[in-house]
Amino acid sequence: MSEPKTSGINPGQPRPVRLRDALLRARIEAADRTGVVVDLRDAEVARLEILNDALDPLFAQVPDQIDLFDRGISQGDTPRLWIDVVAHIVMGRDKRQYRFVQDTRFGRIVLAESHETAVIVDAVTDYVARRMIERERAMVVPSEPKAEVAEQPPRRSRIWPFVLGFILGAAALFGVAVLAALRSW
């Protein structure tokens, strides 16, 4: 006797929990089959939405009083998944690779790049942790002045070199005037 077929569902594999996830995957597959630019843009947005959903557990752990992060997908010419005001995720040139970038004073730097969602989630997790530590350091007020500041030698006045230079310059000018007067006599 043959075993009955289970309509392609393997009992060991988890089934899609939400219809939204299944629709996003179907949209990506449809965009992969067609070469239309609009479908590619939809695939970019769909992949960013999948990554955004994968980041939900991370941001659920961030305390409510920390308002550094403002996550969301922008729908401009280049769809972006914003993590905060200086870091975002865009799709690479092949529209399948995630690129996690940060804008700095010196230009844009790539923090991570991968085709795998898990790699980008790990990179965003590290970034969030670094930002939270930076915030903690900025919020801490030192209770005592640092010992290094107390050990500095007393600052010398800058007025005396100016006064000495002025007197020497005036004396030199007076000397040149006296020499010029003696020669013309």
C-alpha atoms as a PDB file:
ATOM      1  CA  MET A   1       0.000   0.000   0.000  1.00  0.00           C
ATOM      2  CA  SER A   2       1.147   3.505  -0.695  1.00  0.00           C
ATOM      3  CA  GLU A   3       1.027   6.339   1.802  1.00  0.00           C
ATOM      4  CA  PRO A   4      -1.523   9.089   1.306  1.00  0.00           C
ATOM      5  CA  LYS A   5      -0.164  12.385   0.014  1.00  0.00           C
ATOM      6  CA  THR A   6      -0.301  15.399   2.323  1.00  0.00           C
ATOM      7  CA  SER A   7      -0.729  18.018  -0.414  1.00  0.00           C
ATOM      8  CA  GLY A   8       2.923  19.109  -0.299  1.00  0.00           C
ATOM      9  CA  ILE A   9       2.963  20.072   3.395  1.00  0.00           C
ATOM     10  CA  ASN A  10       5.722  18.431   5.385  1.00  0.00           C
ATOM     11  CA  PRO A  11       4.571  17.885   8.977  1.00  0.00           C
ATOM     12  CA  GLY A  12       8.107  18.658  10.227  1.00  0.00           C
ATOM     13  CA  GLN A  13       8.207  22.105   8.624  1.00  0.00           C
ATOM     14  CA  PRO A  14       6.423  25.090  10.137  1.00  0.00           C
ATOM     15  CA  ARG A  15       3.597  26.479   8.035  1.00  0.00           C
ATOM     16  CA  PRO A  16       3.348  30.211   7.301  1.00  0.00           C
ATOM     17  CA  VAL A  17       1.717  31.724  10.341  1.00  0.00           C
ATOM     18  CA  ARG A  18       0.349  34.837   8.736  1.00  0.00           C
ATOM     19  CA  LEU A  19      -1.245  35.434   5.385  1.00  0.00           C
ATOM     20  CA  ARG A  20       0.726  38.692   5.123  1.00  0.00           C
ATOM     21  CA  ASP A  21       4.032  36.762   5.092  1.00  0.00           C
ATOM     22  CA  ALA A  22       2.746  34.410   2.417  1.00  0.00           C
ATOM     23  CA  LEU A  23       1.584  37.358   0.295  1.00  0.00           C
ATOM     24  CA  LEU A  24       4.977  39.046   0.617  1.00  0.00           C
ATOM     25  CA  ARG A  25       6.776  35.868  -0.452  1.00  0.00           C
ATOM     26  CA  ALA A  26       4.383  35.459  -3.386  1.00  0.00           C
ATOM     27  CA  ARG A  27       5.050  39.069  -4.423  1.00  0.00           C
ATOM     28  CA  ILE A  28       8.810  38.442  -4.338  1.00  0.00           C
ATOM     29  CA  GLU A  29       8.444  35.279  -6.420  1.00  0.00           C
ATOM     30  CA  ALA A  30       6.297  37.124  -8.958  1.00  0.00           C
ATOM     31  CA  ALA A  31       8.864  39.909  -9.213  1.00  0.00           C
ATOM     32  CA  ASP A  32      11.626  37.348  -9.712  1.00  0.00           C
ATOM     33  CA  ARG A  33       9.758  35.870 -12.687  1.00  0.00           C
ATOM     34  CA  THR A  34       9.079  39.170 -14.427  1.00  0.00           C
ATOM     35  CA  GLY A  35      11.496  41.883 -15.407  1.00  0.00           C
ATOM     36  CA  VAL A  36       9.185  44.840 -14.956  1.00  0.00           C
ATOM     37  CA  VAL A  37      10.684  47.729 -12.976  1.00  0.00           C
ATOM     38  CA  VAL A  38       7.545  48.250 -10.928  1.00  0.00           C
ATOM     39  CA  ASP A  39       7.609  44.629  -9.844  1.00  0.00           C
ATOM     40  CA  LEU A  40      11.282  44.999  -8.854  1.00  0.00           C
ATOM     41  CA  ARG A  41      10.419  48.007  -6.739  1.00  0.00           C
ATOM     42  CA  ASP A  42       7.563  46.057  -5.153  1.00  0.00           C
ATOM     43  CA  ALA A  43      10.008  43.229  -4.482  1.00  0.00           C
ATOM     44  CA  GLU A  44      12.375  45.689  -2.782  1.00  0.00           C
ATOM     45  CA  VAL A  45       9.586  46.960  -0.555  1.00  0.00           C
ATOM     46  CA  ALA A  46       8.435  43.400   0.159  1.00  0.00           C
ATOM     47  CA  ARG A  47      11.936  42.312   1.156  1.00  0.00           C
ATOM     48  CA  LEU A  48      12.311  45.369   3.383  1.00  0.00           C
ATOM     49  CA  GLU A  49       8.947  44.544   4.992  1.00  0.00           C
ATOM     50  CA  ILE A  50      10.127  40.985   5.667  1.00  0.00           C
ATOM     51  CA  LEU A  51      13.293  42.371   7.276  1.00  0.00           C
ATOM     52  CA  ASN A  52      11.221  44.877   9.256  1.00  0.00           C
ATOM     53  CA  ASP A  53       9.110  42.006  10.604  1.00  0.00           C
ATOM     54  CA  ALA A  54      12.287  40.085  11.482  1.00  0.00           C
ATOM     55  CA  LEU A  55      13.440  43.109  13.522  1.00  0.00           C
ATOM     56  CA  ASP A  56      10.239  43.217  15.620  1.00  0.00           C
ATOM     57  CA  PRO A  57      11.614  40.995  18.432  1.00  0.00           C
ATOM     58  CA  LEU A  58      14.735  43.185  18.707  1.00  0.00           C
ATOM     59  CA  PHE A  59      12.834  46.449  18.991  1.00  0.00           C
ATOM     60  CA  ALA A  60      10.339  44.896  21.403  1.00  0.00           C
ATOM     61  CA  GLN A  61      13.264  44.592  23.839  1.00  0.00           C
ATOM     62  CA  VAL A  62      14.258  48.274  23.600  1.00  0.00           C
ATOM     63  CA  PRO A  63      12.921  50.138  26.668  1.00  0.00           C
ATOM     64  CA  ASP A  64      10.100  52.599  25.979  1.00  0.00           C
ATOM     65  CA  GLN A  65      11.995  55.549  27.477  1.00  0.00           C
ATOM     66  CA  ILE A  66      14.712  55.224  24.813  1.00  0.00           C
ATOM     67  CA  ASP A  67      13.497  57.173  21.812  1.00  0.00           C
ATOM     68  CA  LEU A  68      16.602  56.936  19.629  1.00  0.00           C
ATOM     69  CA  PHE A  69      15.055  54.644  17.070  1.00  0.00           C
ATOM     70  CA  ASP A  70      12.318  55.496  14.598  1.00  0.00           C
ATOM     71  CA  ARG A  71      11.864  52.444  12.414  1.00  0.00           C
ATOM     72  CA  GLY A  72       9.830  52.595   9.230  1.00  0.00           C
ATOM     73  CA  ILE A  73       9.888  52.052   5.479  1.00  0.00           C
ATOM     74  CA  SER A  74      10.029  55.095   3.212  1.00  0.00           C
ATOM     75  CA  GLN A  75       8.385  54.674  -0.184  1.00  0.00           C
ATOM     76  CA  GLY A  76      10.495  57.126  -2.221  1.00  0.00           C
ATOM     77  CA  ASP A  77      12.388  56.438  -5.450  1.00  0.00           C
ATOM     78  CA  THR A  78      14.661  54.176  -3.426  1.00  0.00           C
ATOM     79  CA  PRO A  79      12.720  52.331  -0.726  1.00  0.00           C
ATOM     80  CA  ARG A  80      14.523  52.373   2.617  1.00  0.00           C
ATOM     81  CA  LEU A  81      13.994  50.744   5.993  1.00  0.00           C
ATOM     82  CA  TRP A  82      15.009  53.407   8.496  1.00  0.00           C
ATOM     83  CA  ILE A  83      16.451  52.309  11.828  1.00  0.00           C
ATOM     84  CA  ASP A  84      17.091  55.826  13.144  1.00  0.00           C
ATOM     85  CA  VAL A  85      17.824  59.224  11.635  1.00  0.00           C
ATOM     86  CA  VAL A  86      21.306  58.244  10.431  1.00  0.00           C
ATOM     87  CA  ALA A  87      21.075  54.521   9.643  1.00  0.00           C
ATOM     88  CA  HIS A  88      18.918  52.707   7.122  1.00  0.00           C
ATOM     89  CA  ILE A  89      18.762  49.594   4.985  1.00  0.00           C
ATOM     90  CA  VAL A  90      18.465  49.679   1.205  1.00  0.00           C
ATOM     91  CA  MET A  91      18.525  46.951  -1.366  1.00  0.00           C
ATOM     92  CA  GLY A  92      21.723  46.458  -3.368  1.00  0.00           C
ATOM     93  CA  ARG A  93      22.030  46.797  -7.129  1.00  0.00           C
ATOM     94  CA  ASP A  94      20.838  43.249  -7.695  1.00  0.00           C
ATOM     95  CA  LYS A  95      17.686  44.020  -5.621  1.00  0.00           C
ATOM     96  CA  ARG A  96      18.271  40.881  -3.537  1.00  0.00           C
ATOM     97  CA  GLN A  97      21.093  42.016  -1.288  1.00  0.00           C
ATOM     98  CA  TYR A  98      20.438  44.031   1.861  1.00  0.00           C
ATOM     99  CA  ARG A  99      22.811  46.927   2.511  1.00  0.00           C
ATOM    100  CA  PHE A 100      22.853  48.429   6.026  1.00  0.00           C
ATOM    101  CA  VAL A 101      24.370  51.934   5.840  1.00  0.00           C
ATOM    102  CA  GLN A 102      24.994  54.834   8.185  1.00  0.00           C
ATOM    103  CA  ASP A 103      25.354  58.483   7.222  1.00  0.00           C
ATOM    104  CA  THR A 104      28.281  60.201   8.968  1.00  0.00           C
ATOM    105  CA  ARG A 105      29.965  63.591   8.782  1.00  0.00           C
ATOM    106  CA  PHE A 106      32.463  62.071   6.371  1.00  0.00           C
ATOM    107  CA  GLY A 107      29.975  60.347   4.080  1.00  0.00           C
ATOM    108  CA  ARG A 108      27.984  57.139   4.012  1.00  0.00           C
ATOM    109  CA  ILE A 109      29.548  53.949   5.363  1.00  0.00           C
ATOM    110  CA  VAL A 110      28.324  50.391   4.844  1.00  0.00           C
ATOM    111  CA  LEU A 111      27.862  48.615   8.175  1.00  0.00           C
ATOM    112  CA  ALA A 112      26.756  45.270   6.724  1.00  0.00           C
ATOM    113  CA  GLU A 113      25.847  43.733   3.411  1.00  0.00           C
ATOM    114  CA  SER A 114      24.258  40.331   2.826  1.00  0.00           C
ATOM    115  CA  HIS A 115      21.610  38.365   0.996  1.00  0.00           C
ATOM    116  CA  GLU A 116      20.639  36.791   4.328  1.00  0.00           C
ATOM    117  CA  THR A 117      18.083  38.441   6.588  1.00  0.00           C
ATOM    118  CA  ALA A 118      19.668  36.925   9.717  1.00  0.00           C
ATOM    119  CA  VAL A 119      23.038  38.588   9.005  1.00  0.00           C
ATOM    120  CA  ILE A 120      21.410  42.006   8.704  1.00  0.00           C
ATOM    121  CA  VAL A 121      19.332  41.407  11.851  1.00  0.00           C
ATOM    122  CA  ASP A 122      22.575  40.639  13.723  1.00  0.00           C
ATOM    123  CA  ALA A 123      24.216  43.799  12.357  1.00  0.00           C
ATOM    124  CA  VAL A 124      21.220  45.938  13.346  1.00  0.00           C
ATOM    125  CA  THR A 125      21.246  44.313  16.808  1.00  0.00           C
ATOM    126  CA  ASP A 126      24.913  45.290  17.262  1.00  0.00           C
ATOM    127  CA  TYR A 127      24.176  48.807  16.005  1.00  0.00           C
ATOM    128  CA  VAL A 128      21.232  49.244  18.384  1.00  0.00           C
ATOM    129  CA  ALA A 129      23.358  48.037  21.312  1.00  0.00           C
ATOM    130  CA  ARG A 130      26.177  50.502  20.447  1.00  0.00           C
ATOM    131  CA  ARG A 131      23.706  53.375  20.151  1.00  0.00           C
ATOM    132  CA  MET A 132      22.155  52.543  23.511  1.00  0.00           C
ATOM    133  CA  ILE A 133      25.603  52.480  25.172  1.00  0.00           C
ATOM    134  CA  GLU A 134      26.463  55.844  23.568  1.00  0.00           C
ATOM    135  CA  ARG A 135      23.205  57.244  24.967  1.00  0.00           C
ATOM    136  CA  GLU A 136      23.981  55.913  28.447  1.00  0.00           C
ATOM    137  CA  ARG A 137      27.427  57.524  28.381  1.00  0.00           C
ATOM    138  CA  ALA A 138      25.990  60.829  27.224  1.00  0.00           C
ATOM    139  CA  MET A 139      23.356  60.787  29.971  1.00  0.00           C
ATOM    140  CA  VAL A 140      25.805  60.082  32.825  1.00  0.00           C
ATOM    141  CA  VAL A 141      26.851  63.197  34.740  1.00  0.00           C
ATOM    142  CA  PRO A 142      30.227  62.849  36.443  1.00  0.00           C
ATOM    143  CA  SER A 143      29.860  63.244  40.224  1.00  0.00           C
ATOM    144  CA  GLU A 144      33.442  64.406  40.865  1.00  0.00           C
ATOM    145  CA  PRO A 145      35.849  66.377  38.729  1.00  0.00           C
ATOM    146  CA  LYS A 146      38.450  64.221  37.084  1.00  0.00           C
ATOM    147  CA  ALA A 147      41.822  63.944  38.825  1.00  0.00           C
ATOM    148  CA  GLU A 148      43.586  64.771  35.572  1.00  0.00           C
ATOM    149  CA  VAL A 149      42.096  68.255  35.531  1.00  0.00           C
ATOM    150  CA  ALA A 150      43.284  69.027  39.099  1.00  0.00           C
ATOM    151  CA  GLU A 151      46.871  67.973  38.292  1.00  0.00           C
ATOM    152  CA  GLN A 152      47.351  70.470  35.473  1.00  0.00           C
ATOM    153  CA  PRO A 153      49.823  73.295  36.154  1.00  0.00           C
ATOM    154  CA  PRO A 154      48.345  76.736  36.703  1.00  0.00           C
ATOM    155  CA  ARG A 155      47.736  78.624  33.502  1.00  0.00           C
ATOM    156  CA  ARG A 156      50.111  81.494  32.834  1.00  0.00           C
ATOM    157  CA  SER A 157      48.817  84.865  31.896  1.00  0.00           C
ATOM    158  CA  ARG A 158      49.033  85.799  28.230  1.00  0.00           C
ATOM    159  CA  ILE A 159      49.146  89.533  28.840  1.00  0.00           C
ATOM    160  CA  TRP A 160      52.804  89.769  29.889  1.00  0.00           C
ATOM    161  CA  PRO A 161      54.295  88.523  26.597  1.00  0.00           C
ATOM    162  CA  PHE A 162      52.059  91.047  24.803  1.00  0.00           C
ATOM    163  CA  VAL A 163      53.180  93.921  27.066  1.00  0.00           C
ATOM    164  CA  LEU A 164      56.858  92.951  26.703  1.00  0.00           C
ATOM    165  CA  GLY A 165      56.513  92.764  22.905  1.00  0.00           C
ATOM    166  CA  PHE A 166      54.773  96.136  22.804  1.00  0.00           C
ATOM    167  CA  ILE A 167      57.533  97.793  24.879  1.00  0.00           C
ATOM    168  CA  LEU A 168      60.320  96.237  22.777  1.00  0.00           C
ATOM    169  CA  GLY A 169      58.556  97.281  19.559  1.00  0.00           C
ATOM    170  CA  ALA A 170      58.089 100.846  20.801  1.00  0.00           C
ATOM    171  CA  ALA A 171      61.750 101.021  21.859  1.00  0.00           C
ATOM    172  CA  ALA A 172      62.891  99.727  18.461  1.00  0.00           C
ATOM    173  CA  LEU A 173      60.682 102.245  16.670  1.00  0.00           C
ATOM    174  CA  PHE A 174      62.033 105.061  18.890  1.00  0.00           C
ATOM    175  CA  GLY A 175      65.594 103.888  18.142  1.00  0.00           C
ATOM    176  CA  VAL A 176      64.961 103.929  14.384  1.00  0.00           C
ATOM    177  CA  ALA A 177      63.448 107.427  14.645  1.00  0.00           C
ATOM    178  CA  VAL A 178      66.474 108.699  16.618  1.00  0.00           C
ATOM    179  CA  LEU A 179      68.892 107.212  14.047  1.00  0.00           C
ATOM    180  CA  ALA A 180      66.930 108.746  11.188  1.00  0.00           C
ATOM    181  CA  ALA A 181      66.972 112.159  12.928  1.00  0.00           C
ATOM    182  CA  LEU A 182      70.758 111.982  13.541  1.00  0.00           C
ATOM    183  CA  ARG A 183      71.462 111.129   9.895  1.00  0.00           C
ATOM    184  CA  SER A 184      69.379 113.988   8.567  1.00  0.00           C
ATOM    185  CA  TRP A 185      71.162 116.477  10.810  1.00  0.00           C
END
